[in-house]
């Protein structure tokens, strides 16, 4: 019974330590955003979503690759449509 309490105590300490570490990371990002925006040449944005500090599973990695590919396809399609629109303006003198 004592061993179980000791392990639970160590686990709580580990969780608390990781929580404080993560809080420190968010604090650094917040300070970097404020100070960088105040004194830098361009605005530094705070992180948009929570940081993922745990290792991703293979399925999560594949899903992320698919999302990135889809974003790239959308971006390139937008570029192509923009270039096509510009060529239409140059050929016909109007959009």
PDB file of N, CA and C in Angstrom:
ATOM      1  N   UNK A   1       0.821  -1.186   0.000  1.00  0.00           N
ATOM      2  CA  UNK A   1       0.000   0.000   0.000  1.00  0.00           C
ATOM      3  C   UNK A   1       0.876   1.265   0.000  1.00  0.00           C
ATOM      4  N   UNK A   2       1.930   1.256   0.764  1.00  0.00           N
ATOM      5  CA  UNK A   2       2.823   2.405   0.840  1.00  0.00           C
ATOM      6  C   UNK A   2       3.478   2.648  -0.516  1.00  0.00           C
ATOM      7  N   UNK A   3       3.846   1.578  -1.198  1.00  0.00           N
ATOM      8  CA  UNK A   3       4.474   1.693  -2.515  1.00  0.00           C
ATOM      9  C   UNK A   3       3.523   2.362  -3.513  1.00  0.00           C
ATOM     10  N   UNK A   4       2.240   2.012  -3.461  1.00  0.00           N
ATOM     11  CA  UNK A   4       1.252   2.602  -4.359  1.00  0.00           C
ATOM     12  C   UNK A   4       1.117   4.103  -4.095  1.00  0.00           C
ATOM     13  N   UNK A   5       1.100   4.506  -2.826  1.00  0.00           N
ATOM     14  CA  UNK A   5       1.025   5.932  -2.499  1.00  0.00           C
ATOM     15  C   UNK A   5       2.279   6.667  -2.948  1.00  0.00           C
ATOM     16  N   UNK A   6       3.413   6.024  -2.800  1.00  0.00           N
ATOM     17  CA  UNK A   6       4.669   6.648  -3.229  1.00  0.00           C
ATOM     18  C   UNK A   6       4.677   6.833  -4.740  1.00  0.00           C
ATOM     19  N   UNK A   7       4.222   5.838  -5.485  1.00  0.00           N
ATOM     20  CA  UNK A   7       4.166   5.949  -6.937  1.00  0.00           C
ATOM     21  C   UNK A   7       3.161   7.016  -7.367  1.00  0.00           C
ATOM     22  N   UNK A   8       2.021   7.077  -6.672  1.00  0.00           N
ATOM     23  CA  UNK A   8       1.023   8.104  -6.988  1.00  0.00           C
ATOM     24  C   UNK A   8       1.595   9.496  -6.720  1.00  0.00           C
ATOM     25  N   UNK A   9       2.333   9.645  -5.637  1.00  0.00           N
ATOM     26  CA  UNK A   9       2.952  10.930  -5.310  1.00  0.00           C
ATOM     27  C   UNK A   9       3.947  11.337  -6.400  1.00  0.00           C
ATOM     28  N   UNK A  10       4.788  10.392  -6.810  1.00  0.00           N
ATOM     29  CA  UNK A  10       5.768  10.692  -7.856  1.00  0.00           C
ATOM     30  C   UNK A  10       5.088  11.033  -9.179  1.00  0.00           C
ATOM     31  N   UNK A  11       4.003  10.347  -9.481  1.00  0.00           N
ATOM     32  CA  UNK A  11       3.263  10.631 -10.707  1.00  0.00           C
ATOM     33  C   UNK A  11       2.638  12.024 -10.653  1.00  0.00           C
ATOM     34  N   UNK A  12       2.046  12.381  -9.507  1.00  0.00           N
ATOM     35  CA  UNK A  12       1.480  13.732  -9.370  1.00  0.00           C
ATOM     36  C   UNK A  12       2.556  14.793  -9.514  1.00  0.00           C
ATOM     37  N   UNK A  13       3.725  14.553  -8.936  1.00  0.00           N
ATOM     38  CA  UNK A  13       4.844  15.503  -9.050  1.00  0.00           C
ATOM     39  C   UNK A  13       5.288  15.646 -10.498  1.00  0.00           C
ATOM     40  N   UNK A  14       5.354  14.522 -11.218  1.00  0.00           N
ATOM     41  CA  UNK A  14       5.753  14.560 -12.621  1.00  0.00           C
ATOM     42  C   UNK A  14       4.739  15.351 -13.439  1.00  0.00           C
ATOM     43  N   UNK A  15       3.461  15.124 -13.212  1.00  0.00           N
ATOM     44  CA  UNK A  15       2.408  15.846 -13.933  1.00  0.00           C
ATOM     45  C   UNK A  15       2.475  17.332 -13.608  1.00  0.00           C
ATOM     46  N   UNK A  16       2.666  17.663 -12.340  1.00  0.00           N
ATOM     47  CA  UNK A  16       2.771  19.062 -11.922  1.00  0.00           C
ATOM     48  C   UNK A  16       3.989  19.735 -12.556  1.00  0.00           C
ATOM     49  N   UNK A  17       5.097  19.028 -12.613  1.00  0.00           N
ATOM     50  CA  UNK A  17       6.318  19.560 -13.211  1.00  0.00           C
ATOM     51  C   UNK A  17       6.123  19.820 -14.704  1.00  0.00           C
ATOM     52  N   UNK A  18       5.519  18.888 -15.401  1.00  0.00           N
ATOM     53  CA  UNK A  18       5.257  19.068 -16.828  1.00  0.00           C
ATOM     54  C   UNK A  18       4.283  20.210 -17.067  1.00  0.00           C
ATOM     55  N   UNK A  19       3.309  20.372 -16.188  1.00  0.00           N
ATOM     56  CA  UNK A  19       2.354  21.467 -16.306  1.00  0.00           C
ATOM     57  C   UNK A  19       3.064  22.807 -16.142  1.00  0.00           C
ATOM     58  N   UNK A  20       3.943  22.910 -15.164  1.00  0.00           N
ATOM     59  CA  UNK A  20       4.696  24.151 -14.963  1.00  0.00           C
ATOM     60  C   UNK A  20       5.616  24.429 -16.150  1.00  0.00           C
ATOM     61  N   UNK A  21       6.230  23.384 -16.696  1.00  0.00           N
ATOM     62  CA  UNK A  21       7.103  23.540 -17.857  1.00  0.00           C
ATOM     63  C   UNK A  21       6.312  24.067 -19.049  1.00  0.00           C
ATOM     64  N   UNK A  22       5.137  23.490 -19.297  1.00  0.00           N
ATOM     65  CA  UNK A  22       4.295  23.916 -20.400  1.00  0.00           C
ATOM     66  C   UNK A  22       3.812  25.347 -20.190  1.00  0.00           C
ATOM     67  N   UNK A  23       3.472  25.690 -18.953  1.00  0.00           N
ATOM     68  CA  UNK A  23       3.080  27.057 -18.636  1.00  0.00           C
ATOM     69  C   UNK A  23       4.218  28.030 -18.955  1.00  0.00           C
ATOM     70  N   UNK A  24       5.443  27.628 -18.660  1.00  0.00           N
ATOM     71  CA  UNK A  24       6.600  28.451 -18.989  1.00  0.00           C
ATOM     72  C   UNK A  24       6.749  28.665 -20.486  1.00  0.00           C
ATOM     73  N   UNK A  25       6.482  27.626 -21.260  1.00  0.00           N
ATOM     74  CA  UNK A  25       6.570  27.742 -22.725  1.00  0.00           C
ATOM     75  C   UNK A  25       5.539  28.745 -23.234  1.00  0.00           C
ATOM     76  N   UNK A  26       4.302  28.657 -22.715  1.00  0.00           N
ATOM     77  CA  UNK A  26       3.277  29.609 -23.125  1.00  0.00           C
ATOM     78  C   UNK A  26       3.642  31.031 -22.703  1.00  0.00           C
ATOM     79  N   UNK A  27       4.243  31.178 -21.536  1.00  0.00           N
ATOM     80  CA  UNK A  27       4.665  32.498 -21.074  1.00  0.00           C
ATOM     81  C   UNK A  27       5.726  33.076 -22.004  1.00  0.00           C
ATOM     82  N   UNK A  28       6.686  32.244 -22.409  1.00  0.00           N
ATOM     83  CA  UNK A  28       7.728  32.696 -23.339  1.00  0.00           C
ATOM     84  C   UNK A  28       7.103  33.136 -24.660  1.00  0.00           C
ATOM     85  N   UNK A  29       6.142  32.372 -25.160  1.00  0.00           N
ATOM     86  CA  UNK A  29       5.468  32.749 -26.414  1.00  0.00           C
ATOM     87  C   UNK A  29       4.721  34.070 -26.249  1.00  0.00           C
ATOM     88  N   UNK A  30       4.073  34.257 -25.108  1.00  0.00           N
ATOM     89  CA  UNK A  30       3.338  35.501 -24.879  1.00  0.00           C
ATOM     90  C   UNK A  30       4.298  36.687 -24.810  1.00  0.00           C
ATOM     91  N   UNK A  31       5.380  36.533 -24.079  1.00  0.00           N
ATOM     92  CA  UNK A  31       6.362  37.619 -23.982  1.00  0.00           C
ATOM     93  C   UNK A  31       6.996  37.918 -25.333  1.00  0.00           C
ATOM     94  N   UNK A  32       7.323  36.882 -26.074  1.00  0.00           N
ATOM     95  CA  UNK A  32       7.909  37.066 -27.399  1.00  0.00           C
ATOM     96  C   UNK A  32       6.943  37.816 -28.309  1.00  0.00           C
ATOM     97  N   UNK A  33       5.664  37.491 -28.186  1.00  0.00           N
ATOM     98  CA  UNK A  33       4.659  38.156 -29.007  1.00  0.00           C
ATOM     99  C   UNK A  33       4.556  39.636 -28.650  1.00  0.00           C
ATOM    100  N   UNK A  34       4.500  39.944 -27.365  1.00  0.00           N
ATOM    101  CA  UNK A  34       4.346  41.334 -26.931  1.00  0.00           C
ATOM    102  C   UNK A  34       5.602  42.140 -27.224  1.00  0.00           C
ATOM    103  N   UNK A  35       6.738  41.627 -26.821  1.00  0.00           N
ATOM    104  CA  UNK A  35       7.992  42.368 -27.005  1.00  0.00           C
ATOM    105  C   UNK A  35       8.364  42.449 -28.482  1.00  0.00           C
ATOM    106  N   UNK A  36       8.186  41.346 -29.195  1.00  0.00           N
ATOM    107  CA  UNK A  36       8.504  41.341 -30.622  1.00  0.00           C
ATOM    108  C   UNK A  36       7.638  42.308 -31.401  1.00  0.00           C
ATOM    109  N   UNK A  37       6.357  42.378 -31.053  1.00  0.00           N
ATOM    110  CA  UNK A  37       5.460  43.301 -31.746  1.00  0.00           C
ATOM    111  C   UNK A  37       5.762  44.751 -31.381  1.00  0.00           C
ATOM    112  N   UNK A  38       6.179  44.980 -30.135  1.00  0.00           N
ATOM    113  CA  UNK A  38       6.447  46.348 -29.687  1.00  0.00           C
ATOM    114  C   UNK A  38       7.742  46.896 -30.287  1.00  0.00           C
ATOM    115  N   UNK A  39       8.767  46.061 -30.362  1.00  0.00           N
ATOM    116  CA  UNK A  39      10.075  46.544 -30.782  1.00  0.00           C
ATOM    117  C   UNK A  39      10.544  46.007 -32.131  1.00  0.00           C
ATOM    118  N   UNK A  40       9.850  45.024 -32.653  1.00  0.00           N
ATOM    119  CA  UNK A  40      10.262  44.429 -33.918  1.00  0.00           C
ATOM    120  C   UNK A  40       9.704  45.185 -35.103  1.00  0.00           C
ATOM    121  N   UNK A  41      10.139  44.796 -36.276  1.00  0.00           N
ATOM    122  CA  UNK A  41       9.669  45.442 -37.501  1.00  0.00           C
ATOM    123  C   UNK A  41       8.309  44.925 -37.931  1.00  0.00           C
ATOM    124  N   UNK A  42       7.990  43.685 -37.539  1.00  0.00           N
ATOM    125  CA  UNK A  42       6.687  43.149 -37.901  1.00  0.00           C
ATOM    126  C   UNK A  42       6.042  42.518 -36.667  1.00  0.00           C
ATOM    127  N   UNK A  43       4.739  42.346 -36.753  1.00  0.00           N
ATOM    128  CA  UNK A  43       3.992  41.808 -35.621  1.00  0.00           C
ATOM    129  C   UNK A  43       4.316  40.333 -35.414  1.00  0.00           C
ATOM    130  N   UNK A  44       4.546  39.943 -34.173  1.00  0.00           N
ATOM    131  CA  UNK A  44       4.786  38.547 -33.829  1.00  0.00           C
ATOM    132  C   UNK A  44       3.508  38.030 -33.200  1.00  0.00           C
ATOM    133  N   UNK A  45       2.945  36.973 -33.764  1.00  0.00           N
ATOM    134  CA  UNK A  45       1.671  36.459 -33.281  1.00  0.00           C
ATOM    135  C   UNK A  45       1.877  35.398 -32.205  1.00  0.00           C
ATOM    136  N   UNK A  46       0.934  35.351 -31.283  1.00  0.00           N
ATOM    137  CA  UNK A  46       0.910  34.318 -30.250  1.00  0.00           C
ATOM    138  C   UNK A  46       0.463  33.014 -30.901  1.00  0.00           C
ATOM    139  N   UNK A  47       0.809  31.894 -30.316  1.00  0.00           N
ATOM    140  CA  UNK A  47       0.437  30.599 -30.894  1.00  0.00           C
ATOM    141  C   UNK A  47      -1.073  30.528 -31.080  1.00  0.00           C
ATOM    142  N   UNK A  48      -1.516  29.999 -32.209  1.00  0.00           N
ATOM    143  CA  UNK A  48      -2.936  29.985 -32.550  1.00  0.00           C
ATOM    144  C   UNK A  48      -3.715  28.869 -31.875  1.00  0.00           C
ATOM    145  N   UNK A  49      -3.042  27.798 -31.540  1.00  0.00           N
ATOM    146  CA  UNK A  49      -3.715  26.662 -30.912  1.00  0.00           C
ATOM    147  C   UNK A  49      -2.774  26.057 -29.874  1.00  0.00           C
ATOM    148  N   UNK A  50      -3.302  25.224 -29.012  1.00  0.00           N
ATOM    149  CA  UNK A  50      -2.436  24.627 -27.982  1.00  0.00           C
ATOM    150  C   UNK A  50      -1.282  23.849 -28.600  1.00  0.00           C
ATOM    151  N   UNK A  51      -0.152  23.901 -27.946  1.00  0.00           N
ATOM    152  CA  UNK A  51       1.017  23.183 -28.420  1.00  0.00           C
ATOM    153  C   UNK A  51       0.822  21.688 -28.209  1.00  0.00           C
ATOM    154  N   UNK A  52       1.236  20.902 -29.167  1.00  0.00           N
ATOM    155  CA  UNK A  52       1.135  19.454 -29.077  1.00  0.00           C
ATOM    156  C   UNK A  52       2.494  18.924 -28.632  1.00  0.00           C
ATOM    157  N   UNK A  53       2.600  18.544 -27.369  1.00  0.00           N
ATOM    158  CA  UNK A  53       3.899  18.141 -26.837  1.00  0.00           C
ATOM    159  C   UNK A  53       4.097  16.635 -26.834  1.00  0.00           C
ATOM    160  N   UNK A  54       3.061  15.899 -27.194  1.00  0.00           N
ATOM    161  CA  UNK A  54       3.169  14.444 -27.175  1.00  0.00           C
ATOM    162  C   UNK A  54       3.424  13.907 -28.570  1.00  0.00           C
ATOM    163  N   UNK A  55       4.062  12.771 -28.623  1.00  0.00           N
ATOM    164  CA  UNK A  55       4.365  12.105 -29.897  1.00  0.00           C
ATOM    165  C   UNK A  55       3.068  11.741 -30.615  1.00  0.00           C
ATOM    166  N   UNK A  56       3.014  11.976 -31.910  1.00  0.00           N
ATOM    167  CA  UNK A  56       1.827  11.677 -32.696  1.00  0.00           C
ATOM    168  C   UNK A  56       1.848  10.218 -33.136  1.00  0.00           C
ATOM    169  N   UNK A  57       0.650   9.651 -33.256  1.00  0.00           N
ATOM    170  CA  UNK A  57       0.546   8.300 -33.766  1.00  0.00           C
ATOM    171  C   UNK A  57       0.744   8.334 -35.276  1.00  0.00           C
ATOM    172  N   UNK A  58       0.950   7.179 -35.858  1.00  0.00           N
ATOM    173  CA  UNK A  58       1.163   7.091 -37.304  1.00  0.00           C
ATOM    174  C   UNK A  58      -0.071   7.589 -38.057  1.00  0.00           C
ATOM    175  N   UNK A  59      -1.257   7.262 -37.563  1.00  0.00           N
ATOM    176  CA  UNK A  59      -2.489   7.713 -38.211  1.00  0.00           C
ATOM    177  C   UNK A  59      -2.604   9.236 -38.156  1.00  0.00           C
ATOM    178  N   UNK A  60      -2.237   9.841 -37.027  1.00  0.00           N
ATOM    179  CA  UNK A  60      -2.282  11.301 -36.909  1.00  0.00           C
ATOM    180  C   UNK A  60      -1.280  11.956 -37.854  1.00  0.00           C
ATOM    181  N   UNK A  61      -0.106  11.347 -37.977  1.00  0.00           N
ATOM    182  CA  UNK A  61       0.907  11.888 -38.902  1.00  0.00           C
ATOM    183  C   UNK A  61       0.399  11.836 -40.335  1.00  0.00           C
ATOM    184  N   UNK A  62      -0.224  10.722 -40.731  1.00  0.00           N
ATOM    185  CA  UNK A  62      -0.747  10.587 -42.089  1.00  0.00           C
ATOM    186  C   UNK A  62      -1.876  11.572 -42.343  1.00  0.00           C
ATOM    187  N   UNK A  63      -2.730  11.786 -41.338  1.00  0.00           N
ATOM    188  CA  UNK A  63      -3.821  12.738 -41.481  1.00  0.00           C
ATOM    189  C   UNK A  63      -3.269  14.155 -41.650  1.00  0.00           C
ATOM    190  N   UNK A  64      -2.223  14.486 -40.913  1.00  0.00           N
ATOM    191  CA  UNK A  64      -1.608  15.808 -41.040  1.00  0.00           C
ATOM    192  C   UNK A  64      -0.993  15.996 -42.426  1.00  0.00           C
ATOM    193  N   UNK A  65      -0.359  14.950 -42.957  1.00  0.00           N
ATOM    194  CA  UNK A  65       0.213  15.026 -44.301  1.00  0.00           C
ATOM    195  C   UNK A  65      -0.890  15.257 -45.326  1.00  0.00           C
ATOM    196  N   UNK A  66      -2.019  14.561 -45.170  1.00  0.00           N
ATOM    197  CA  UNK A  66      -3.142  14.756 -46.095  1.00  0.00           C
ATOM    198  C   UNK A  66      -3.674  16.181 -46.024  1.00  0.00           C
ATOM    199  N   UNK A  67      -3.791  16.737 -44.807  1.00  0.00           N
ATOM    200  CA  UNK A  67      -4.261  18.120 -44.667  1.00  0.00           C
ATOM    201  C   UNK A  67      -3.304  19.095 -45.331  1.00  0.00           C
ATOM    202  N   UNK A  68      -2.002  18.886 -45.134  1.00  0.00           N
ATOM    203  CA  UNK A  68      -1.003  19.775 -45.744  1.00  0.00           C
ATOM    204  C   UNK A  68      -1.049  19.684 -47.269  1.00  0.00           C
ATOM    205  N   UNK A  69      -1.228  18.484 -47.790  1.00  0.00           N
ATOM    206  CA  UNK A  69      -1.352  18.324 -49.246  1.00  0.00           C
ATOM    207  C   UNK A  69      -2.577  19.059 -49.774  1.00  0.00           C
ATOM    208  N   UNK A  70      -3.695  18.947 -49.056  1.00  0.00           N
ATOM    209  CA  UNK A  70      -4.922  19.618 -49.476  1.00  0.00           C
ATOM    210  C   UNK A  70      -4.737  21.130 -49.454  1.00  0.00           C
ATOM    211  N   UNK A  71      -4.078  21.650 -48.417  1.00  0.00           N
ATOM    212  CA  UNK A  71      -3.797  23.091 -48.358  1.00  0.00           C
ATOM    213  C   UNK A  71      -2.931  23.529 -49.528  1.00  0.00           C
ATOM    214  N   UNK A  72      -1.926  22.718 -49.868  1.00  0.00           N
ATOM    215  CA  UNK A  72      -1.048  23.035 -50.989  1.00  0.00           C
ATOM    216  C   UNK A  72      -1.832  23.039 -52.299  1.00  0.00           C
ATOM    217  N   UNK A  73      -2.683  22.052 -52.476  1.00  0.00           N
ATOM    218  CA  UNK A  73      -3.500  21.983 -53.691  1.00  0.00           C
ATOM    219  C   UNK A  73      -4.393  23.217 -53.798  1.00  0.00           C
ATOM    220  N   UNK A  74      -5.029  23.599 -52.678  1.00  0.00           N
ATOM    221  CA  UNK A  74      -5.885  24.789 -52.690  1.00  0.00           C
ATOM    222  C   UNK A  74      -5.084  26.048 -52.998  1.00  0.00           C
ATOM    223  N   UNK A  75      -3.894  26.157 -52.425  1.00  0.00           N
ATOM    224  CA  UNK A  75      -3.040  27.326 -52.656  1.00  0.00           C
ATOM    225  C   UNK A  75      -2.628  27.406 -54.128  1.00  0.00           C
ATOM    226  N   UNK A  76      -2.171  26.269 -54.675  1.00  0.00           N
ATOM    227  CA  UNK A  76      -1.737  26.256 -56.068  1.00  0.00           C
ATOM    228  C   UNK A  76      -2.897  26.499 -57.026  1.00  0.00           C
ATOM    229  N   UNK A  77      -4.064  25.975 -56.699  1.00  0.00           N
ATOM    230  CA  UNK A  77      -5.249  26.226 -57.517  1.00  0.00           C
ATOM    231  C   UNK A  77      -5.591  27.714 -57.508  1.00  0.00           C
ATOM    232  N   UNK A  78      -5.479  28.345 -56.347  1.00  0.00           N
ATOM    233  CA  UNK A  78      -5.715  29.781 -56.253  1.00  0.00           C
ATOM    234  C   UNK A  78      -4.724  30.575 -57.083  1.00  0.00           C
ATOM    235  N   UNK A  79      -3.452  30.170 -57.043  1.00  0.00           N
ATOM    236  CA  UNK A  79      -2.443  30.833 -57.867  1.00  0.00           C
ATOM    237  C   UNK A  79      -2.753  30.683 -59.349  1.00  0.00           C
ATOM    238  N   UNK A  80      -3.139  29.483 -59.742  1.00  0.00           N
ATOM    239  CA  UNK A  80      -3.467  29.228 -61.144  1.00  0.00           C
ATOM    240  C   UNK A  80      -4.667  30.070 -61.573  1.00  0.00           C
ATOM    241  N   UNK A  81      -5.692  30.115 -60.725  1.00  0.00           N
ATOM    242  CA  UNK A  81      -6.875  30.908 -61.057  1.00  0.00           C
ATOM    243  C   UNK A  81      -6.529  32.390 -61.145  1.00  0.00           C
ATOM    244  N   UNK A  82      -5.659  32.844 -60.271  1.00  0.00           N
ATOM    245  CA  UNK A  82      -5.227  34.244 -60.299  1.00  0.00           C
ATOM    246  C   UNK A  82      -4.445  34.543 -61.578  1.00  0.00           C
ATOM    247  N   UNK A  83      -3.550  33.629 -61.945  1.00  0.00           N
ATOM    248  CA  UNK A  83      -2.771  33.814 -63.174  1.00  0.00           C
ATOM    249  C   UNK A  83      -3.687  33.779 -64.393  1.00  0.00           C
ATOM    250  N   UNK A  84      -4.658  32.860 -64.395  1.00  0.00           N
ATOM    251  CA  UNK A  84      -5.610  32.788 -65.512  1.00  0.00           C
ATOM    252  C   UNK A  84      -6.419  34.076 -65.611  1.00  0.00           C
ATOM    253  N   UNK A  85      -6.815  34.617 -64.484  1.00  0.00           N
ATOM    254  CA  UNK A  85      -7.597  35.867 -64.490  1.00  0.00           C
ATOM    255  C   UNK A  85      -6.753  37.011 -65.024  1.00  0.00           C
ATOM    256  N   UNK A  86      -5.484  37.073 -64.645  1.00  0.00           N
ATOM    257  CA  UNK A  86      -4.616  38.131 -65.139  1.00  0.00           C
ATOM    258  C   UNK A  86      -4.415  38.003 -66.647  1.00  0.00           C
ATOM    259  N   UNK A  87      -4.259  36.768 -67.127  1.00  0.00           N
ATOM    260  CA  UNK A  87      -4.095  36.579 -68.572  1.00  0.00           C
ATOM    261  C   UNK A  87      -5.344  36.988 -69.312  1.00  0.00           C
ATOM    262  N   UNK A  88      -6.499  36.744 -68.715  1.00  0.00           N
ATOM    263  CA  UNK A  88      -7.764  37.163 -69.337  1.00  0.00           C
ATOM    264  C   UNK A  88      -7.848  38.676 -69.425  1.00  0.00           C
ATOM    265  N   UNK A  89      -7.375  39.368 -68.418  1.00  0.00           N
ATOM    266  CA  UNK A  89      -7.374  40.825 -68.420  1.00  0.00           C
ATOM    267  C   UNK A  89      -6.425  41.337 -69.479  1.00  0.00           C
ATOM    268  N   UNK A  90      -5.262  40.729 -69.591  1.00  0.00           N
ATOM    269  CA  UNK A  90      -4.264  41.190 -70.569  1.00  0.00           C
ATOM    270  C   UNK A  90      -4.738  40.919 -71.997  1.00  0.00           C
ATOM    271  N   UNK A  91      -5.416  39.796 -72.246  1.00  0.00           N
ATOM    272  CA  UNK A  91      -5.850  39.468 -73.595  1.00  0.00           C
ATOM    273  C   UNK A  91      -7.046  40.304 -74.031  1.00  0.00           C
ATOM    274  N   UNK A  92      -7.993  40.478 -73.111  1.00  0.00           N
ATOM    275  CA  UNK A  92      -9.227  41.124 -73.491  1.00  0.00           C
ATOM    276  C   UNK A  92      -9.360  42.539 -72.961  1.00  0.00           C
ATOM    277  N   UNK A  93      -8.461  42.962 -72.156  1.00  0.00           N
ATOM    278  CA  UNK A  93      -8.511  44.323 -71.634  1.00  0.00           C
ATOM    279  C   UNK A  93      -9.500  44.516 -70.513  1.00  0.00           C
ATOM    280  N   UNK A  94     -10.201  43.457 -70.115  1.00  0.00           N
ATOM    281  CA  UNK A  94     -11.123  43.529 -68.978  1.00  0.00           C
ATOM    282  C   UNK A  94     -11.242  42.138 -68.383  1.00  0.00           C
ATOM    283  N   UNK A  95     -11.670  42.060 -67.119  1.00  0.00           N
ATOM    284  CA  UNK A  95     -11.785  40.753 -66.448  1.00  0.00           C
ATOM    285  C   UNK A  95     -12.880  39.889 -66.981  1.00  0.00           C
TER     286      UNK A  95
END
